Protein backbone atom coordinates (compact mmCIF):
# COMPACT_ATOMS: atom_id res chain seq x y z
CA MET A 1 11.38 -0.34 -23.52
CA ARG A 2 9.57 1.70 -21.01
CA ASN A 3 6.01 -0.02 -20.82
CA LYS A 4 8.81 -3.57 -20.79
CA ALA A 5 10.20 -2.17 -17.32
CA ILE A 6 6.80 -1.15 -15.96
CA PHE A 7 5.48 -4.01 -16.84
CA ARG A 8 8.69 -6.21 -14.97
CA ASN A 9 8.61 -3.80 -12.24
CA SER A 10 4.75 -4.54 -11.56
CA ILE A 11 5.10 -8.15 -11.43
CA LEU A 12 8.18 -7.47 -9.13
CA LEU A 13 5.88 -5.79 -6.73
CA SER A 14 3.07 -7.97 -7.24
CA VAL A 15 5.20 -10.93 -6.21
CA LEU A 16 6.62 -8.44 -2.62
CA ALA A 17 2.68 -7.49 -2.35
CA LEU A 18 1.94 -11.36 -1.95
CA VAL A 19 5.13 -12.56 0.21
CA LEU A 20 5.58 -9.37 2.18
CA PRO A 21 2.15 -9.65 3.55
CA LEU A 22 2.46 -13.78 4.22
CA ALA A 23 5.97 -13.09 5.83
CA LEU A 24 4.56 -10.81 8.35
CA CYS A 25 1.49 -12.67 8.67
CA VAL A 26 4.32 -15.51 9.74
CA TYR A 27 6.05 -13.46 12.01
CA ARG A 28 3.27 -11.85 13.48
CA ALA A 29 2.21 -15.22 14.13
CA VAL A 30 4.97 -16.41 15.56
CA GLN A 31 4.97 -13.46 18.03
CA ARG A 32 1.62 -13.42 19.11
CA GLY A 33 2.01 -17.31 19.46
CA LYS A 34 5.20 -16.89 22.16
CA LEU A 35 3.14 -14.12 23.95
CA ASP A 36 -0.11 -16.18 23.76
CA ALA A 37 2.39 -19.09 25.02
CA VAL A 38 4.06 -16.94 27.87
CA ALA A 39 0.04 -15.39 28.71
CA THR A 40 -0.87 -18.88 29.25
CA LEU A 41 1.97 -20.05 31.76
CA ASN A 42 1.67 -16.53 33.80
CA GLY A 43 -1.87 -17.79 34.12
CA VAL A 44 -0.63 -21.23 35.35
CA THR A 45 1.72 -19.41 37.69
CA ASP A 46 -0.88 -16.67 39.08
CA GLU A 47 -3.24 -19.33 40.16
CA MET A 48 0.00 -21.23 42.02
CA ALA A 49 0.57 -18.19 43.37
CA ARG A 50 -2.85 -17.30 44.83
CA ARG A 51 -3.61 -20.77 45.50
CA SER A 52 -0.12 -20.70 47.82
CA ALA A 53 -1.01 -17.68 49.27
CA GLU A 54 -4.37 -18.59 50.42
CA THR A 55 -2.32 -21.70 51.81
CA ARG A 56 0.03 -19.68 53.89
CA GLU A 57 -3.67 -17.70 54.87
CA GLN A 58 -5.22 -20.61 56.03
CA ILE A 59 -2.26 -21.99 57.84
CA ALA A 60 -2.11 -18.98 59.91
CA SER A 61 -5.74 -18.99 60.31
CA ALA A 62 -6.54 -22.87 61.23
CA LEU A 63 -3.59 -22.34 63.67
CA GLU A 64 -4.92 -18.90 65.20
CA ASP A 65 -7.68 -20.98 65.97
CA LEU A 66 -6.43 -23.64 67.11
CA GLN A 67 -4.34 -22.50 69.23
CA SER A 68 -7.07 -19.95 70.45
CA ASN A 69 -9.78 -22.23 71.44
CA PRO A 70 -7.98 -25.77 71.69
CA GLY A 71 -10.40 -29.16 72.64
CA GLY A 72 -8.27 -29.68 75.59
CA ALA A 73 -4.70 -31.33 75.86
CA PRO A 74 -2.79 -31.71 72.77
CA CYS A 75 -3.58 -35.33 71.47
CA SER A 76 -6.74 -35.98 73.76
CA ALA A 77 -9.48 -37.19 71.51
CA GLY A 78 -11.66 -34.41 72.13
CA ASN A 79 -8.30 -31.73 70.60
CA LEU A 80 -7.91 -34.36 67.84
CA GLU A 81 -11.64 -33.86 66.97
CA ARG A 82 -11.13 -30.20 66.60
CA MET A 83 -8.02 -30.28 64.70
CA ARG A 84 -10.26 -32.66 62.16
CA LEU A 85 -13.32 -29.57 62.24
CA VAL A 86 -10.68 -26.63 61.82
CA ALA A 87 -8.71 -28.56 58.87
CA ALA A 88 -12.42 -29.31 57.71
CA VAL A 89 -13.09 -26.00 56.33
CA LYS A 90 -9.71 -25.26 54.81
CA ASP A 91 -9.03 -26.06 51.19
CA TYR A 92 -6.09 -26.51 51.25
CA LEU A 93 -4.95 -27.91 54.36
CA GLY A 94 -4.65 -31.91 54.40
CA GLY A 95 -4.82 -31.64 58.71
CA LEU A 96 -3.53 -30.30 61.80
CA GLY A 97 -1.03 -31.95 64.06
CA TYR A 98 0.93 -31.61 67.20
CA VAL A 99 4.79 -31.59 67.11
CA LYS A 100 7.34 -31.79 70.49
CA GLY A 101 10.79 -31.06 69.12
CA ASP A 102 11.43 -33.04 65.71
CA THR A 103 8.89 -35.77 66.08
CA MET A 104 4.89 -35.29 65.54
CA LEU A 105 2.98 -36.85 68.69
CA CYS A 106 -0.29 -37.25 67.06
CA SER A 107 -2.35 -35.23 64.25
CA SER A 108 -6.00 -35.32 62.87
CA LEU A 109 -4.76 -37.77 59.82
CA THR A 110 -2.77 -40.16 61.75
CA GLY A 111 -4.48 -39.93 64.94
CA GLY A 112 -2.82 -40.27 68.80
CA GLY A 113 -0.92 -43.75 68.64
CA VAL A 114 2.37 -44.22 67.07
CA PRO A 115 4.35 -40.49 67.54
CA VAL A 116 6.07 -39.91 63.83
CA PRO A 117 9.83 -39.10 63.53
CA LEU A 118 10.23 -36.16 61.34
CA GLY A 119 13.78 -35.09 62.12
CA LEU A 120 15.27 -32.28 61.44
CA PRO A 121 13.09 -29.23 59.36
CA SER A 122 13.81 -28.25 55.89
CA GLU A 123 13.76 -24.27 57.12
CA VAL A 124 14.25 -22.85 60.42
CA ARG A 125 13.50 -18.68 60.08
CA PRO A 126 14.73 -16.91 62.69
CA SER A 127 11.27 -15.68 63.54
CA GLY A 128 10.48 -19.73 65.26
CA PHE A 129 8.96 -20.45 61.55
CA ARG A 130 9.92 -24.28 60.33
CA SER A 131 8.58 -26.46 58.11
CA TRP A 132 9.29 -29.81 57.09
CA ASP A 133 8.86 -31.13 53.58
CA GLN A 134 8.10 -34.21 51.41
CA LYS A 135 7.41 -36.24 54.93
CA ALA A 136 5.19 -39.42 54.74
CA LEU A 137 2.98 -40.88 57.29
CA PRO A 138 1.81 -43.91 58.62
CA GLY A 139 -0.95 -45.34 57.23
CA ILE A 140 -1.34 -43.00 54.20
CA PRO A 141 0.50 -44.15 51.21
CA ARG A 142 2.30 -42.81 48.29
CA GLN A 143 1.32 -39.20 49.39
CA LYS A 144 3.94 -36.85 50.44
CA PHE A 145 3.16 -34.12 52.76
CA ASN A 146 4.61 -30.28 54.00
CA LEU A 147 4.30 -29.44 57.40
CA ILE A 148 4.33 -25.79 58.77
CA GLY A 149 4.32 -24.56 62.47
CA GLU A 150 4.20 -20.82 62.93
CA PRO A 151 6.28 -18.74 65.10
CA GLY A 152 5.51 -20.20 69.21
CA GLN A 153 3.27 -22.95 68.29
CA GLU A 154 3.74 -26.31 68.66
CA ASN A 155 0.56 -27.07 66.53
CA VAL A 156 1.39 -27.81 62.93
CA ALA A 157 -0.63 -27.31 59.51
CA ILE A 158 -0.23 -30.56 57.45
CA THR A 159 -0.29 -29.43 53.67
CA VAL A 160 -1.05 -31.96 50.53
CA PRO A 161 1.67 -30.20 47.75
CA GLU A 162 -0.16 -31.41 45.15
CA LEU A 163 -2.87 -29.42 45.62
CA ILE A 164 -0.53 -25.85 44.51
CA VAL A 165 0.46 -27.34 41.47
CA ASP A 166 -3.17 -29.53 40.93
CA VAL A 167 -4.24 -26.59 38.56
CA PRO A 168 -6.44 -26.97 35.43
CA LEU A 169 -4.19 -27.18 32.29
CA ALA A 170 -4.97 -25.60 28.80
CA VAL A 171 -2.19 -27.50 27.34
CA LYS A 172 -0.90 -31.04 27.95
CA GLY A 173 2.25 -31.72 29.35
CA MET A 174 2.87 -28.94 31.56
CA SER A 175 5.32 -28.74 34.10
CA LEU A 176 4.57 -26.50 37.37
CA VAL A 177 7.75 -26.67 40.01
CA GLN A 178 7.40 -24.37 42.97
CA MET A 179 10.61 -24.01 44.97
CA THR A 180 12.65 -21.94 47.41
CA ALA A 181 14.69 -19.20 45.99
CA ASP A 182 18.07 -21.46 47.92
CA GLY A 183 16.96 -24.41 45.53
CA ARG A 184 14.70 -26.44 47.64
CA LEU A 185 11.74 -28.12 45.47
CA LYS A 186 8.20 -27.56 47.58
CA ARG A 187 6.35 -28.93 45.01
CA ALA A 188 6.31 -30.46 41.04
CA ARG A 189 4.56 -31.27 38.50
CA GLY A 190 6.21 -33.01 35.58
CA PRO A 191 9.70 -32.82 34.38
CA TYR A 192 11.93 -29.75 35.17
CA SER A 193 15.85 -28.72 35.26
CA GLU A 194 17.42 -26.80 38.35
CA THR A 195 18.93 -24.76 35.59
CA TRP A 196 15.33 -22.82 35.95
CA LEU A 197 16.33 -21.09 39.25
CA THR A 198 19.35 -20.13 38.51
CA ARG A 199 18.13 -18.50 35.20
CA THR A 200 15.26 -16.94 37.35
CA LEU A 201 17.38 -15.11 40.24
CA ALA A 202 19.50 -13.83 37.41
CA GLY A 203 16.59 -12.09 36.19
CA GLN A 204 15.00 -14.09 33.44
CA GLU A 205 11.48 -14.13 33.31
CA SER A 206 10.53 -16.30 30.41
CA PHE A 207 13.14 -18.29 28.20
CA VAL A 208 13.78 -21.73 26.61
CA ASP A 209 15.43 -24.36 27.71
CA SER A 210 15.72 -28.16 26.52
CA GLY A 211 12.66 -27.72 24.16
CA LYS A 212 10.05 -25.97 26.94
CA LEU A 213 9.31 -22.51 27.27
CA VAL A 214 9.47 -21.70 30.71
CA VAL A 215 7.67 -18.79 32.54
CA ALA A 216 8.92 -17.82 35.94
CA ARG A 217 7.35 -15.79 39.15
CA PHE A 218 9.47 -14.96 41.99
CA GLU A 219 7.56 -13.26 45.44
CA LYS A 220 10.21 -11.79 47.43
CA SER A 221 7.85 -11.89 50.20
CA SER A 222 7.84 -15.84 50.42
CA GLY A 223 10.37 -16.75 49.37
CA LEU A 224 9.14 -18.78 46.88
CA VAL A 225 9.31 -19.53 43.04
CA MET A 226 7.02 -20.71 40.67
CA PHE A 227 7.72 -22.38 37.43
CA ALA A 228 5.57 -23.02 34.27
CA ALA A 229 6.94 -24.64 31.08
CA MET A 230 5.30 -26.45 28.14
CA SER A 231 6.85 -28.25 24.73
CA VAL A 232 8.07 -25.85 22.01
CA ASN A 233 5.83 -28.01 19.95
CA GLU A 234 2.75 -26.30 22.12
CA VAL A 235 4.36 -22.61 21.51
CA HIS A 236 4.29 -23.60 17.84
CA ARG A 237 0.65 -24.81 18.18
CA PHE A 238 -0.53 -21.16 19.62
CA ALA A 239 1.66 -19.64 16.70
CA TRP A 240 -0.63 -21.78 14.07
CA GLN A 241 -3.95 -20.99 15.70
CA ALA A 242 -2.34 -16.94 15.37
CA PHE A 243 -1.73 -17.69 12.06
CA TRP A 244 -4.89 -18.65 10.45
CA ARG A 245 -6.41 -15.57 12.64
CA TYR A 246 -4.12 -13.39 10.92
CA LEU A 247 -3.92 -14.75 7.27
CA PRO A 248 -7.69 -13.60 6.21
CA VAL A 249 -6.06 -9.88 7.16
CA ALA A 250 -2.91 -10.49 5.33
CA LEU A 251 -4.66 -11.62 2.45
CA ALA A 252 -6.88 -8.72 2.34
CA VAL A 253 -3.72 -6.26 2.68
CA ALA A 254 -2.30 -8.80 -0.30
CA ALA A 255 -5.14 -7.97 -2.61
CA LEU A 256 -5.36 -4.55 -1.83
CA LEU A 257 -1.94 -3.92 -2.68
CA LEU A 258 -2.02 -6.02 -5.60
CA VAL A 259 -5.11 -3.73 -6.73
CA MET A 260 -3.47 -1.04 -5.93
CA ILE A 261 -0.15 -2.10 -8.42
CA TRP A 262 -2.00 -2.77 -11.12
CA THR A 263 -4.20 -0.33 -11.11
CA VAL A 264 -0.93 1.98 -10.64
CA ALA A 265 0.64 -0.11 -13.32
CA ARG A 266 -2.46 -0.07 -16.09
CA GLU A 267 -2.50 3.96 -15.39
CA LEU A 268 1.35 3.98 -16.21
CA LEU A 269 1.05 1.54 -19.21
CA SER A 270 -2.06 4.26 -20.03
CA LEU A 271 -1.66 6.29 -22.93
CA ARG A 272 -2.68 9.10 -21.02
CA PHE A 273 0.12 8.57 -18.75
CA GLN A 274 2.46 8.33 -21.67
CA ILE A 275 1.60 11.60 -23.66
CA LYS A 276 2.34 12.91 -19.73
CA ALA A 277 5.38 11.72 -19.93
CA ALA A 278 6.32 12.51 -23.32
CA LEU A 279 5.50 16.18 -22.59
CA ARG A 280 7.81 15.79 -19.88
CA ASP A 281 10.26 14.31 -22.01
CA ARG A 282 10.09 16.42 -24.65
CA GLU A 283 9.67 13.58 -26.92
CA PHE A 284 7.31 15.29 -29.09
CA PHE A 285 8.99 17.26 -32.45
CA LEU A 286 7.42 18.80 -35.36
CA GLN A 287 7.51 18.32 -39.37
CA TYR A 288 6.08 20.55 -41.43
CA GLN A 289 3.69 19.84 -45.02
CA PRO A 290 5.12 22.79 -47.48
CA VAL A 291 1.96 24.57 -48.75
CA MET A 292 2.48 25.28 -52.37
CA ASP A 293 0.71 28.75 -54.52
CA LEU A 294 -0.86 26.57 -57.27
CA SER A 295 0.01 29.33 -59.86
CA ALA A 296 3.43 30.47 -59.43
CA GLY A 297 4.55 26.89 -58.30
CA ARG A 298 6.02 28.32 -55.05
CA CYS A 299 6.45 27.77 -51.48
CA VAL A 300 4.77 29.90 -49.51
CA GLY A 301 3.89 28.28 -45.86
CA ALA A 302 4.11 24.91 -44.31
CA GLU A 303 1.06 23.23 -41.55
CA ALA A 304 3.36 22.33 -38.42
CA LEU A 305 2.59 18.89 -37.28
CA ILE A 306 3.44 16.97 -34.46
CA ARG A 307 5.10 13.89 -34.40
CA TRP A 308 6.31 11.89 -31.33
CA LYS A 309 8.94 9.26 -31.19
CA ARG A 310 9.30 7.40 -28.20
CA ARG A 311 12.99 7.19 -26.34
CA ASP A 312 12.85 3.47 -28.07
CA GLY A 313 12.75 4.84 -31.60
CA SER A 314 8.73 3.50 -32.09
CA MET A 315 6.71 5.92 -33.58
CA VAL A 316 2.46 6.76 -32.21
CA SER A 317 0.62 8.19 -34.65
CA PRO A 318 -1.41 11.26 -34.24
CA LEU A 319 -4.80 9.89 -34.80
CA VAL A 320 -4.09 7.62 -31.79
CA PHE A 321 -2.48 10.33 -29.42
CA ILE A 322 -4.60 13.41 -30.51
CA PRO A 323 -7.57 12.09 -29.36
CA VAL A 324 -6.76 10.92 -26.13
CA ALA A 325 -5.27 13.83 -25.49
CA GLU A 326 -8.33 16.01 -26.24
CA GLN A 327 -10.50 13.59 -24.07
CA HIS A 328 -8.03 13.88 -21.37
CA GLY A 329 -7.36 17.26 -20.89
CA LEU A 330 -4.03 17.32 -22.22
CA ILE A 331 -4.22 18.91 -25.31
CA GLU A 332 -3.65 22.18 -24.22
CA GLN A 333 -0.54 21.29 -22.78
CA VAL A 334 0.43 19.67 -26.43
CA THR A 335 -0.56 22.45 -28.61
CA ALA A 336 1.74 24.84 -26.18
CA GLN A 337 5.13 22.46 -27.02
CA VAL A 338 4.15 23.09 -30.70
CA MET A 339 3.79 26.63 -30.61
CA GLU A 340 6.90 26.76 -28.48
CA MET A 341 8.45 24.48 -31.17
CA VAL A 342 7.39 26.20 -33.80
CA ALA A 343 9.17 29.90 -32.34
CA THR A 344 12.09 28.18 -31.83
CA ASP A 345 12.06 26.59 -35.45
CA ALA A 346 10.41 28.84 -37.44
CA ALA A 347 11.80 32.22 -36.36
CA GLN A 348 14.92 32.05 -38.90
CA LEU A 349 12.60 30.60 -41.71
CA ILE A 350 10.12 33.56 -41.21
CA ARG A 351 13.62 35.82 -41.14
CA ASP A 352 14.57 34.64 -44.36
CA HIS A 353 11.50 34.51 -45.85
CA PRO A 354 8.76 37.10 -44.31
CA GLU A 355 6.39 36.11 -47.01
CA MET A 356 5.93 32.15 -45.26
CA HIS A 357 3.18 31.36 -43.07
CA ILE A 358 3.41 28.65 -40.46
CA ALA A 359 -0.27 27.38 -39.59
CA ILE A 360 -0.59 25.45 -36.22
CA ASN A 361 -3.64 23.30 -35.72
CA PHE A 362 -6.07 24.35 -32.60
CA SER A 363 -8.42 22.30 -30.91
CA PRO A 364 -11.46 23.37 -29.26
CA ASP A 365 -10.01 22.86 -26.11
CA ASP A 366 -7.03 25.84 -27.23
CA LEU A 367 -10.05 27.98 -28.57
CA HIS A 368 -11.60 27.87 -24.90
CA SER A 369 -8.41 28.21 -22.80
CA LYS A 370 -7.93 31.13 -20.62
CA GLU A 371 -4.19 30.37 -21.45
CA ILE A 372 -4.61 31.01 -25.40
CA GLU A 373 -3.89 34.73 -24.93
CA ASP A 374 -0.49 34.80 -22.87
CA ARG A 375 0.65 31.59 -25.06
CA LEU A 376 -0.09 33.72 -28.61
CA GLN A 377 1.86 36.98 -26.86
CA ARG A 378 4.88 34.53 -26.21
CA LEU A 379 4.67 33.10 -29.74
CA ILE A 380 4.51 36.54 -31.37
CA HIS A 381 7.86 37.55 -29.11
CA ASP A 382 9.44 34.55 -30.26
CA VAL A 383 8.44 34.63 -33.98
CA GLY A 384 9.33 38.28 -34.39
CA ALA A 385 5.51 38.21 -36.32
CA SER A 386 1.94 37.32 -36.31
CA ASN A 387 1.03 37.47 -39.58
CA ASN A 388 2.87 34.74 -40.11
CA ILE A 389 0.95 32.47 -37.95
CA VAL A 390 -1.88 30.73 -39.14
CA ILE A 391 -3.98 29.39 -36.55
CA GLU A 392 -6.16 26.63 -38.09
CA ALA A 393 -9.34 25.49 -36.02
CA THR A 394 -11.75 22.70 -36.76
CA GLU A 395 -15.55 22.75 -37.45
CA ARG A 396 -16.08 21.28 -34.01
CA GLY A 397 -14.01 24.07 -32.37
CA LEU A 398 -16.44 26.54 -33.43
CA LEU A 399 -19.68 25.26 -32.41
CA PHE A 400 -20.09 27.58 -29.90
CA PRO A 401 -19.86 31.34 -30.80
CA GLU A 402 -20.53 32.48 -27.44
CA LYS A 403 -17.26 30.84 -26.32
CA VAL A 404 -15.14 31.31 -29.74
CA THR A 405 -15.99 34.67 -31.16
CA GLU A 406 -14.34 36.76 -28.32
CA THR A 407 -10.95 34.62 -28.78
CA LEU A 408 -11.06 34.91 -33.06
CA VAL A 409 -11.50 38.14 -32.52
CA SER A 410 -8.51 38.70 -30.11
CA VAL A 411 -6.22 36.51 -32.07
CA ARG A 412 -6.68 38.59 -35.37
CA ALA A 413 -6.61 42.11 -33.69
CA LYS A 414 -3.06 40.69 -32.90
CA GLY A 415 -2.17 40.16 -36.23
CA PHE A 416 -2.88 36.39 -36.53
CA ARG A 417 -4.30 34.65 -39.40
CA VAL A 418 -7.36 32.28 -38.92
CA GLY A 419 -8.35 29.02 -41.36
CA ILE A 420 -11.16 26.15 -40.85
CA ASP A 421 -9.23 22.88 -41.22
CA ASP A 422 -10.92 19.80 -42.85
CA PHE A 423 -13.81 22.12 -43.93
CA GLY A 424 -17.46 20.12 -44.98
CA THR A 425 -16.24 16.96 -41.97
CA GLY A 426 -18.06 18.67 -38.97
CA ASN A 427 -21.39 19.73 -38.32
CA SER A 428 -23.16 23.37 -39.20
CA SER A 429 -20.49 24.30 -41.43
CA LEU A 430 -22.60 26.50 -43.27
CA SER A 431 -23.95 28.19 -40.44
CA TYR A 432 -20.99 29.92 -39.12
CA LEU A 433 -18.84 31.44 -41.83
CA GLY A 434 -21.13 33.89 -41.61
CA THR A 435 -20.38 34.08 -37.89
CA TYR A 436 -16.22 34.78 -37.90
CA ASP A 437 -14.19 36.27 -39.50
CA LEU A 438 -11.46 34.00 -40.98
CA ASP A 439 -9.08 34.08 -43.69
CA PHE A 440 -8.49 30.53 -44.96
CA LEU A 441 -10.82 27.43 -45.74
CA LYS A 442 -9.21 24.46 -45.98
CA ILE A 443 -10.64 21.54 -48.41
CA ASP A 444 -10.23 17.89 -46.83
CA LYS A 445 -8.66 15.27 -48.33
CA MET A 446 -11.62 12.92 -48.25
CA PHE A 447 -12.97 15.21 -50.89
CA VAL A 448 -10.02 15.95 -52.77
CA ASP A 449 -9.45 12.46 -53.41
CA ALA A 450 -12.41 12.34 -55.09
CA LEU A 451 -11.78 14.82 -57.98
CA GLY A 452 -11.96 12.90 -60.78
CA LYS A 453 -13.72 10.12 -60.17
CA ASN A 454 -17.23 9.08 -60.39
CA GLU A 455 -18.38 9.47 -56.98
CA PRO A 456 -20.85 10.44 -54.87
CA THR A 457 -18.20 12.79 -53.21
CA SER A 458 -16.75 14.16 -56.49
CA GLN A 459 -18.56 17.63 -56.45
CA VAL A 460 -18.60 18.38 -52.91
CA ALA A 461 -14.81 19.91 -53.92
CA PHE A 462 -16.36 22.62 -55.79
CA HIS A 463 -19.54 23.21 -54.10
CA ILE A 464 -16.86 24.29 -51.22
CA ILE A 465 -14.59 26.30 -53.63
CA GLY A 466 -17.72 28.01 -54.65
CA LEU A 467 -18.58 29.12 -51.44
CA ALA A 468 -15.24 30.12 -50.51
CA HIS A 469 -14.84 32.21 -53.21
CA SER A 470 -18.25 34.06 -52.36
CA LEU A 471 -17.15 34.64 -49.23
CA GLY A 472 -13.54 36.23 -50.48
CA LEU A 473 -11.55 33.30 -48.79
CA LYS A 474 -8.62 31.65 -49.83
CA ILE A 475 -8.59 27.98 -50.35
CA VAL A 476 -6.02 25.50 -49.29
CA ALA A 477 -6.57 21.65 -50.63
CA GLU A 478 -4.84 19.30 -48.67
CA GLY A 479 -3.86 15.61 -49.54
CA VAL A 480 -3.09 16.31 -53.23
CA GLU A 481 -0.76 13.57 -54.29
CA THR A 482 -1.60 13.50 -58.26
CA LYS A 483 -1.01 15.99 -60.84
CA GLU A 484 -4.75 15.74 -62.26
CA GLN A 485 -6.10 16.69 -58.76
CA ARG A 486 -3.43 19.39 -58.76
CA ASP A 487 -4.67 20.37 -62.44
CA ILE A 488 -8.30 20.45 -61.38
CA LEU A 489 -7.88 22.24 -58.15
CA ARG A 490 -5.68 24.91 -59.91
CA GLU A 491 -8.42 25.49 -63.11
CA ALA A 492 -11.13 25.45 -60.12
CA GLY A 493 -9.77 28.98 -58.76
CA VAL A 494 -7.66 27.07 -55.29
CA GLN A 495 -4.93 28.76 -55.08
CA TYR A 496 -3.10 27.06 -52.24
CA ALA A 497 -2.48 23.17 -51.80
CA GLN A 498 -0.16 20.74 -50.09
CA GLY A 499 0.25 16.96 -50.58
CA TRP A 500 2.77 14.54 -51.03
CA ILE A 501 2.48 15.47 -54.82
CA PHE A 502 4.91 18.63 -53.84
CA ALA A 503 6.72 17.21 -50.37
CA LYS A 504 5.80 14.95 -47.53
CA PRO A 505 6.20 16.62 -44.09
CA MET A 506 10.00 17.29 -43.06
CA LEU A 507 11.83 18.92 -40.64
CA MET A 508 12.42 22.65 -40.36
CA HIS A 509 16.56 22.41 -41.99
CA ASP A 510 14.99 20.14 -44.72
CA LEU A 511 11.80 22.83 -45.32
CA ALA A 512 14.07 25.95 -45.51
CA ALA A 513 16.45 23.73 -47.83
CA PHE A 514 13.10 23.24 -50.29
CA THR A 515 12.30 26.83 -49.73
CA ARG A 516 15.24 27.86 -51.11
CA LEU A 517 15.06 25.82 -54.36
CA GLN A 518 11.77 26.11 -55.31
CA ASN A 519 11.54 29.98 -54.83
CA ALA A 520 14.83 30.33 -56.23
């Protein structure tokens, strides 16, 4: 169940790891697209404002130049030529003229022929500034002009409105508009709406209106409002451009998240992590394999065997999880929990049967651990005695006397007994028998299975038995399953044995009942 939940959650997180970066990519692209579109439109309004300001400067400069240095009478040939020369060096001026009242009497564009009625000015300011917007001039078809007169002057500047909005466009179909704050159209390029001005004066610098993104720039100094607008479809194009820029980053983030998710999932699904969780959740428990006195037929002890039952009820073999725990440095925690469980389980059994012993398997890491002394001391305190506990060490754990001797001396000094587990299956079996002070030697099941059979290993058990006798060690044979094996071992002088012929591993309350029955 736990593995299924981890796998299911990993799949869900993987989907999110793909969807969220892409969704964020789309969101950021939409935002970026709008920002880029607004920046483009702002660039256009900036250019319009620049041209408008430069036009005003050129108007003031031209009129001042003409006023201070006329070429004769206002509409004389010399003055008209003067007008042409002054206007020629001004990029945003179409020409210069002379206005009397509401009539333009002459200009550099129309000459000094027929006067041109202008009508009332489009704008008149208290300072004397006046302007006529969108006026046609004779001889120049399909073109409108704006005429601007400065205070105290009868000369006027003639401008071409389109020059202000004739801005190079980065996007096709843009609308460029210049209006006065009171709603008079000054210049326009493309369709527009009068509502733009209302929304701008209400404080909106950018907005969407009738399928167009509009930006506005209001210049209080000149009283002019510049608008630039583009189709929302063009905004989408900006968004798509941003999306393709952001997509590699989004995919890289998604890939990184997927790697992290499945790295964690693999860790969570790994046996190493599951062992950690089992230790935390107390999923381990003990069964006890009875150790029998072959001569008396009595139960004299038991070996504590760790078992792992997951919460879903499935069992994990010690042959699977013990090597993993040793490989990843978890075996000390496993042994510590075994010692705690033995203390809890065996205290009453030992009080009822003081001759009984409980054997605990110690790994090489346990024997090398700095915490072994404290753990053994707690075990003595909880059980009430130390001589009832046998520490079983594998041959691999005894390979380095310089690391282990001090620990074993301390263990025996506290009253614990020490045995070698699975003797004959490791390395240097004979070399360390004389190095350590031991109590028990356990014959591995592999050699017990060969007893009574014509196999190469059938005599190994007898050699081990003889060696143990010569060293004064008590012998425990494990894995005894037949009466023939039991009888051979007893005749060979083996004192103790354990195996299914006597009993299978059992829980502590069953061991207590078994001991009462066998030892009655």
